[in-house]
Amino acid sequence: MVEDQVDVLAQREGMVAKLHADIGSRVRKGDLLAQLDDRQLVSDRAALEAKVKSTQAEAQNWEAEIKVLQSDLERDEQMFKDSLITAKQVEHSRYKVIGAQFQLEREHQNLANARATLQSLQLEMEKTRILAPFNGVVARRYVRQGQKLSVNDRVFWVTATAPINVQFTLPEMFVGRIKPGQQISVVAPSSPGKTHSATISRVSPVVDPSSGTIEVLARLADPGEDLKPGMTVTVRVNK
């Protein structure tokens, strides 16, 4: 057995546009295994990016407008002090500044909403890329190109190839006699004359009362080509 074995699932609905891996393909973490059709999402993203730019430009326009209106207000306030205009005219200029500030705040909120929507869409686009979760090999492919997937449909089964562990049980007479760090021998049924060395990494602290056994886990130093994940092997332990 290996520590990393997992079914890679679809995170969103969609059609399989292209397969980038098949059974036996060796992959590294993050490699693209399959691509779902993302044309609609790409189009939506382009529209949202344009909206973000236009909203940002509108906010900048209002910022410039506020500076102009603020300058006008300061001028009117000075003219009022010099008794050149009425208080009503000054108040009118002040209302213009306040109204422009409200417009700017609205555009800032629109910009924040547009950016949040764009980020959410980007996350959905990332879900169209089915990636390898770790280094390993594709053991199974469950889909074909052009197939429609639903959320949580299985797409690939990816398994690591190293390190390989051996899990087995021993009679309870071995309690206290087998410990982590000890060496054992492992033999594959396909190569009965070839022995592999493994190191005990974990020993169960309890005895299974139904079978009178303890569970042991060992890690192979060099599995070679004749030992594969999931294979049944013979374990030899020195008494």
Protein backbone atom coordinates (compact mmCIF):
# COMPACT_ATOMS: atom_id res chain seq x y z
CA MET A 1 0.00 0.00 0.00
CA VAL A 2 0.97 3.64 -0.42
CA GLU A 3 -0.03 6.59 1.75
CA ASP A 4 -1.50 8.62 -1.12
CA GLN A 5 -4.29 7.06 -3.19
CA VAL A 6 -7.33 9.09 -4.14
CA ASP A 7 -10.19 9.42 -6.60
CA VAL A 8 -9.96 12.86 -8.21
CA LEU A 9 -13.51 14.25 -8.37
CA ALA A 10 -15.13 16.91 -10.53
CA GLN A 11 -15.70 20.11 -8.56
CA ARG A 12 -18.29 21.55 -10.97
CA GLU A 13 -20.58 20.49 -13.77
CA GLY A 14 -19.24 20.60 -17.29
CA MET A 15 -18.22 18.73 -20.40
CA VAL A 16 -14.77 17.16 -20.67
CA ALA A 17 -13.14 19.26 -23.39
CA LYS A 18 -9.75 17.57 -23.34
CA LEU A 19 -7.94 14.76 -21.54
CA HIS A 20 -4.30 15.41 -20.73
CA ALA A 21 -3.55 12.14 -18.92
CA ASP A 22 -4.45 8.49 -19.26
CA ILE A 23 -3.89 5.21 -17.43
CA GLY A 24 -0.20 4.83 -16.71
CA SER A 25 0.61 8.53 -17.05
CA ARG A 26 3.14 9.66 -14.49
CA VAL A 27 2.13 13.02 -13.05
CA ARG A 28 3.47 15.60 -10.66
CA LYS A 29 1.43 17.60 -8.16
CA GLY A 30 -0.49 20.32 -10.00
CA ASP A 31 -0.21 18.74 -13.46
CA LEU A 32 -3.30 19.19 -15.64
CA LEU A 33 -5.19 15.90 -15.97
CA ALA A 34 -8.29 17.11 -17.80
CA GLN A 35 -9.90 20.35 -18.90
CA LEU A 36 -13.63 21.03 -18.77
CA ASP A 37 -15.29 23.30 -21.33
CA ASP A 38 -14.76 26.83 -20.00
CA ARG A 39 -15.76 28.94 -23.02
CA GLN A 40 -18.79 30.51 -21.33
CA LEU A 41 -16.76 31.29 -18.22
CA VAL A 42 -14.01 32.87 -20.33
CA SER A 43 -16.61 35.08 -22.02
CA ASP A 44 -18.17 36.02 -18.68
CA ARG A 45 -14.74 36.86 -17.27
CA ALA A 46 -13.96 39.16 -20.19
CA ALA A 47 -17.25 40.99 -19.62
CA LEU A 48 -16.56 41.33 -15.90
CA GLU A 49 -13.02 42.55 -16.47
CA ALA A 50 -14.43 45.22 -18.79
CA LYS A 51 -16.98 46.17 -16.13
CA VAL A 52 -14.26 46.46 -13.50
CA LYS A 53 -12.24 48.78 -15.76
CA SER A 54 -15.23 50.96 -16.65
CA THR A 55 -16.36 51.20 -13.02
CA GLN A 56 -12.83 52.08 -11.96
CA ALA A 57 -12.69 54.80 -14.63
CA GLU A 58 -16.07 56.15 -13.47
CA ALA A 59 -14.81 56.31 -9.89
CA GLN A 60 -11.72 58.22 -11.06
CA ASN A 61 -13.96 60.65 -12.95
CA TRP A 62 -15.96 61.33 -9.79
CA GLU A 63 -12.75 61.82 -7.81
CA ALA A 64 -11.69 64.47 -10.34
CA GLU A 65 -15.17 66.01 -10.28
CA ILE A 66 -15.07 66.29 -6.49
CA LYS A 67 -11.77 68.17 -6.68
CA VAL A 68 -13.30 70.65 -9.13
CA LEU A 69 -16.45 71.07 -7.03
CA GLN A 70 -14.41 71.44 -3.84
CA SER A 71 -12.40 74.18 -5.51
CA ASP A 72 -15.62 75.90 -6.59
CA LEU A 73 -16.96 75.66 -3.06
CA GLU A 74 -13.83 77.24 -1.60
CA ARG A 75 -14.08 80.04 -4.16
CA ASP A 76 -17.76 80.62 -3.35
CA GLU A 77 -17.08 80.65 0.38
CA GLN A 78 -14.46 83.32 -0.14
CA MET A 79 -16.83 85.32 -2.37
CA PHE A 80 -19.52 85.04 0.29
CA LYS A 81 -17.11 86.44 2.87
CA ASP A 82 -16.52 89.33 0.49
CA SER A 83 -20.31 89.76 0.16
CA LEU A 84 -20.18 89.04 -3.57
CA ILE A 85 -22.65 86.13 -3.53
CA THR A 86 -25.49 84.94 -1.30
CA ALA A 87 -25.42 82.16 1.31
CA LYS A 88 -27.85 80.21 -0.87
CA GLN A 89 -25.29 80.05 -3.67
CA VAL A 90 -22.66 78.77 -1.25
CA GLU A 91 -25.07 76.15 0.04
CA HIS A 92 -25.79 75.07 -3.53
CA SER A 93 -22.07 74.52 -4.16
CA ARG A 94 -21.79 72.56 -0.92
CA TYR A 95 -24.66 70.25 -1.94
CA LYS A 96 -22.90 69.60 -5.23
CA VAL A 97 -19.79 68.41 -3.36
CA ILE A 98 -21.83 66.18 -1.06
CA GLY A 99 -23.77 64.70 -4.00
CA ALA A 100 -20.55 63.95 -5.87
CA GLN A 101 -19.10 62.25 -2.77
CA PHE A 102 -22.17 60.00 -2.59
CA GLN A 103 -21.72 59.15 -6.29
CA LEU A 104 -18.06 58.32 -5.67
CA GLU A 105 -18.97 56.06 -2.75
CA ARG A 106 -21.52 54.29 -4.94
CA GLU A 107 -18.92 53.68 -7.65
CA HIS A 108 -16.45 52.38 -5.08
CA GLN A 109 -19.10 49.91 -3.89
CA ASN A 110 -19.89 48.90 -7.48
CA LEU A 111 -16.17 48.37 -8.07
CA ALA A 112 -15.82 46.21 -4.97
CA ASN A 113 -18.83 44.11 -6.01
CA ALA A 114 -17.48 43.70 -9.55
CA ARG A 115 -14.07 42.62 -8.25
CA ALA A 116 -15.66 40.13 -5.84
CA THR A 117 -17.77 38.67 -8.65
CA LEU A 118 -14.69 38.43 -10.86
CA GLN A 119 -12.78 36.62 -8.13
CA SER A 120 -15.67 34.19 -7.64
CA LEU A 121 -15.76 33.54 -11.39
CA GLN A 122 -12.01 32.97 -11.40
CA LEU A 123 -12.46 30.29 -8.73
CA GLU A 124 -15.11 28.62 -10.92
CA MET A 125 -12.68 28.69 -13.85
CA GLU A 126 -10.04 27.01 -11.73
CA LYS A 127 -12.52 24.20 -11.05
CA THR A 128 -12.61 23.44 -14.78
CA ARG A 129 -8.94 22.42 -14.53
CA ILE A 130 -8.67 18.95 -13.00
CA LEU A 131 -5.22 18.71 -11.45
CA ALA A 132 -3.05 15.97 -9.96
CA PRO A 133 -3.20 16.19 -6.16
CA PHE A 134 0.31 14.76 -5.67
CA ASN A 135 3.17 13.06 -7.50
CA GLY A 136 2.22 9.63 -8.74
CA VAL A 137 0.65 7.69 -11.57
CA VAL A 138 -2.84 7.58 -13.06
CA ALA A 139 -4.19 4.15 -12.16
CA ARG A 140 -7.69 4.58 -13.63
CA ARG A 141 -9.54 6.96 -15.93
CA TYR A 142 -13.29 7.03 -15.40
CA VAL A 143 -14.31 9.50 -18.13
CA ARG A 144 -13.97 10.09 -21.84
CA GLN A 145 -13.63 13.25 -23.89
CA GLY A 146 -16.98 14.92 -24.52
CA GLN A 147 -18.62 13.36 -21.46
CA LYS A 148 -20.86 15.55 -19.30
CA LEU A 149 -19.82 15.55 -15.64
CA SER A 150 -21.73 16.40 -12.50
CA VAL A 151 -20.25 17.63 -9.23
CA ASN A 152 -18.34 14.86 -7.39
CA ASP A 153 -18.21 12.53 -10.42
CA ARG A 154 -15.01 10.46 -10.40
CA VAL A 155 -12.56 11.50 -13.10
CA PHE A 156 -9.26 9.77 -12.32
CA TRP A 157 -7.78 7.51 -9.70
CA VAL A 158 -4.28 8.75 -8.89
CA THR A 159 -1.91 6.76 -6.71
CA ALA A 160 1.55 7.56 -5.45
CA THR A 161 4.25 5.05 -6.32
CA ALA A 162 6.50 5.67 -3.34
CA PRO A 163 7.01 5.18 -0.53
CA ILE A 164 5.32 1.76 -0.48
CA ASN A 165 4.14 0.39 2.86
CA VAL A 166 3.30 -3.17 3.78
CA GLN A 167 0.39 -3.68 6.15
CA PHE A 168 -0.05 -7.06 7.82
CA THR A 169 -1.09 -8.76 11.05
CA LEU A 170 0.82 -10.98 13.46
CA PRO A 171 -0.34 -13.31 16.23
CA GLU A 172 -0.49 -11.73 19.69
CA MET A 173 2.55 -13.79 20.70
CA PHE A 174 4.61 -11.11 18.91
CA VAL A 175 3.48 -8.38 21.32
CA GLY A 176 6.63 -6.88 22.83
CA ARG A 177 8.84 -8.83 20.44
CA ILE A 178 8.36 -6.70 17.35
CA LYS A 179 9.02 -2.99 17.47
CA PRO A 180 9.42 -0.01 15.15
CA GLY A 181 12.83 0.01 13.50
CA GLN A 182 13.10 -3.78 13.10
CA GLN A 183 13.81 -5.25 9.69
CA ILE A 184 11.54 -7.75 7.94
CA SER A 185 11.64 -9.47 4.54
CA VAL A 186 9.01 -9.07 1.82
CA VAL A 187 8.57 -11.40 -1.15
CA ALA A 188 6.34 -10.79 -4.16
CA PRO A 189 4.42 -13.81 -5.54
CA SER A 190 5.70 -12.98 -9.04
CA SER A 191 9.33 -13.11 -7.85
CA PRO A 192 9.56 -15.78 -5.14
CA GLY A 193 13.35 -15.84 -5.31
CA LYS A 194 13.77 -12.11 -4.70
CA THR A 195 13.63 -10.70 -1.19
CA HIS A 196 13.01 -7.05 -0.30
CA SER A 197 13.90 -5.39 2.97
CA ALA A 198 11.35 -3.34 4.91
CA THR A 199 11.49 -1.46 8.21
CA ILE A 200 8.73 -1.65 10.81
CA SER A 201 7.28 1.86 11.18
CA ARG A 202 4.20 1.24 13.32
CA VAL A 203 2.89 -1.49 15.61
CA SER A 204 -0.67 -1.41 16.91
CA PRO A 205 -0.76 -0.85 20.68
CA VAL A 206 -3.78 -3.15 21.08
CA VAL A 207 -4.70 -6.72 20.17
CA ASP A 208 -7.76 -7.34 18.03
CA PRO A 209 -9.90 -9.52 20.35
CA SER A 210 -11.79 -11.12 17.47
CA SER A 211 -8.67 -12.45 15.75
CA GLY A 212 -6.02 -12.34 18.45
CA THR A 213 -3.68 -10.39 16.19
CA ILE A 214 -1.83 -7.08 16.11
CA GLU A 215 -1.60 -4.83 13.08
CA VAL A 216 1.85 -3.88 11.79
CA LEU A 217 2.97 -1.36 9.16
CA ALA A 218 6.39 -1.50 7.49
CA ARG A 219 8.02 0.68 4.82
CA LEU A 220 9.94 -0.84 1.94
CA ALA A 221 13.43 0.49 1.39
CA ASP A 222 13.49 -0.33 -2.33
CA PRO A 223 10.30 -1.83 -3.81
CA GLY A 224 11.87 -2.38 -7.22
CA GLU A 225 9.81 -3.22 -10.29
CA ASP A 226 8.16 -6.38 -8.96
CA LEU A 227 6.29 -4.72 -6.07
CA LYS A 228 3.25 -2.57 -6.89
CA PRO A 229 0.69 -0.73 -4.72
CA GLY A 230 -2.22 -3.01 -3.84
CA MET A 231 -0.26 -6.24 -4.36
CA THR A 232 -0.48 -9.18 -1.93
CA VAL A 233 2.94 -10.22 -0.67
CA THR A 234 4.55 -12.67 1.73
CA VAL A 235 6.10 -11.20 4.88
CA ARG A 236 8.84 -12.97 6.82
CA VAL A 237 9.50 -11.90 10.39
CA ASN A 238 12.38 -13.21 12.49
CA LYS A 239 11.04 -14.73 15.73
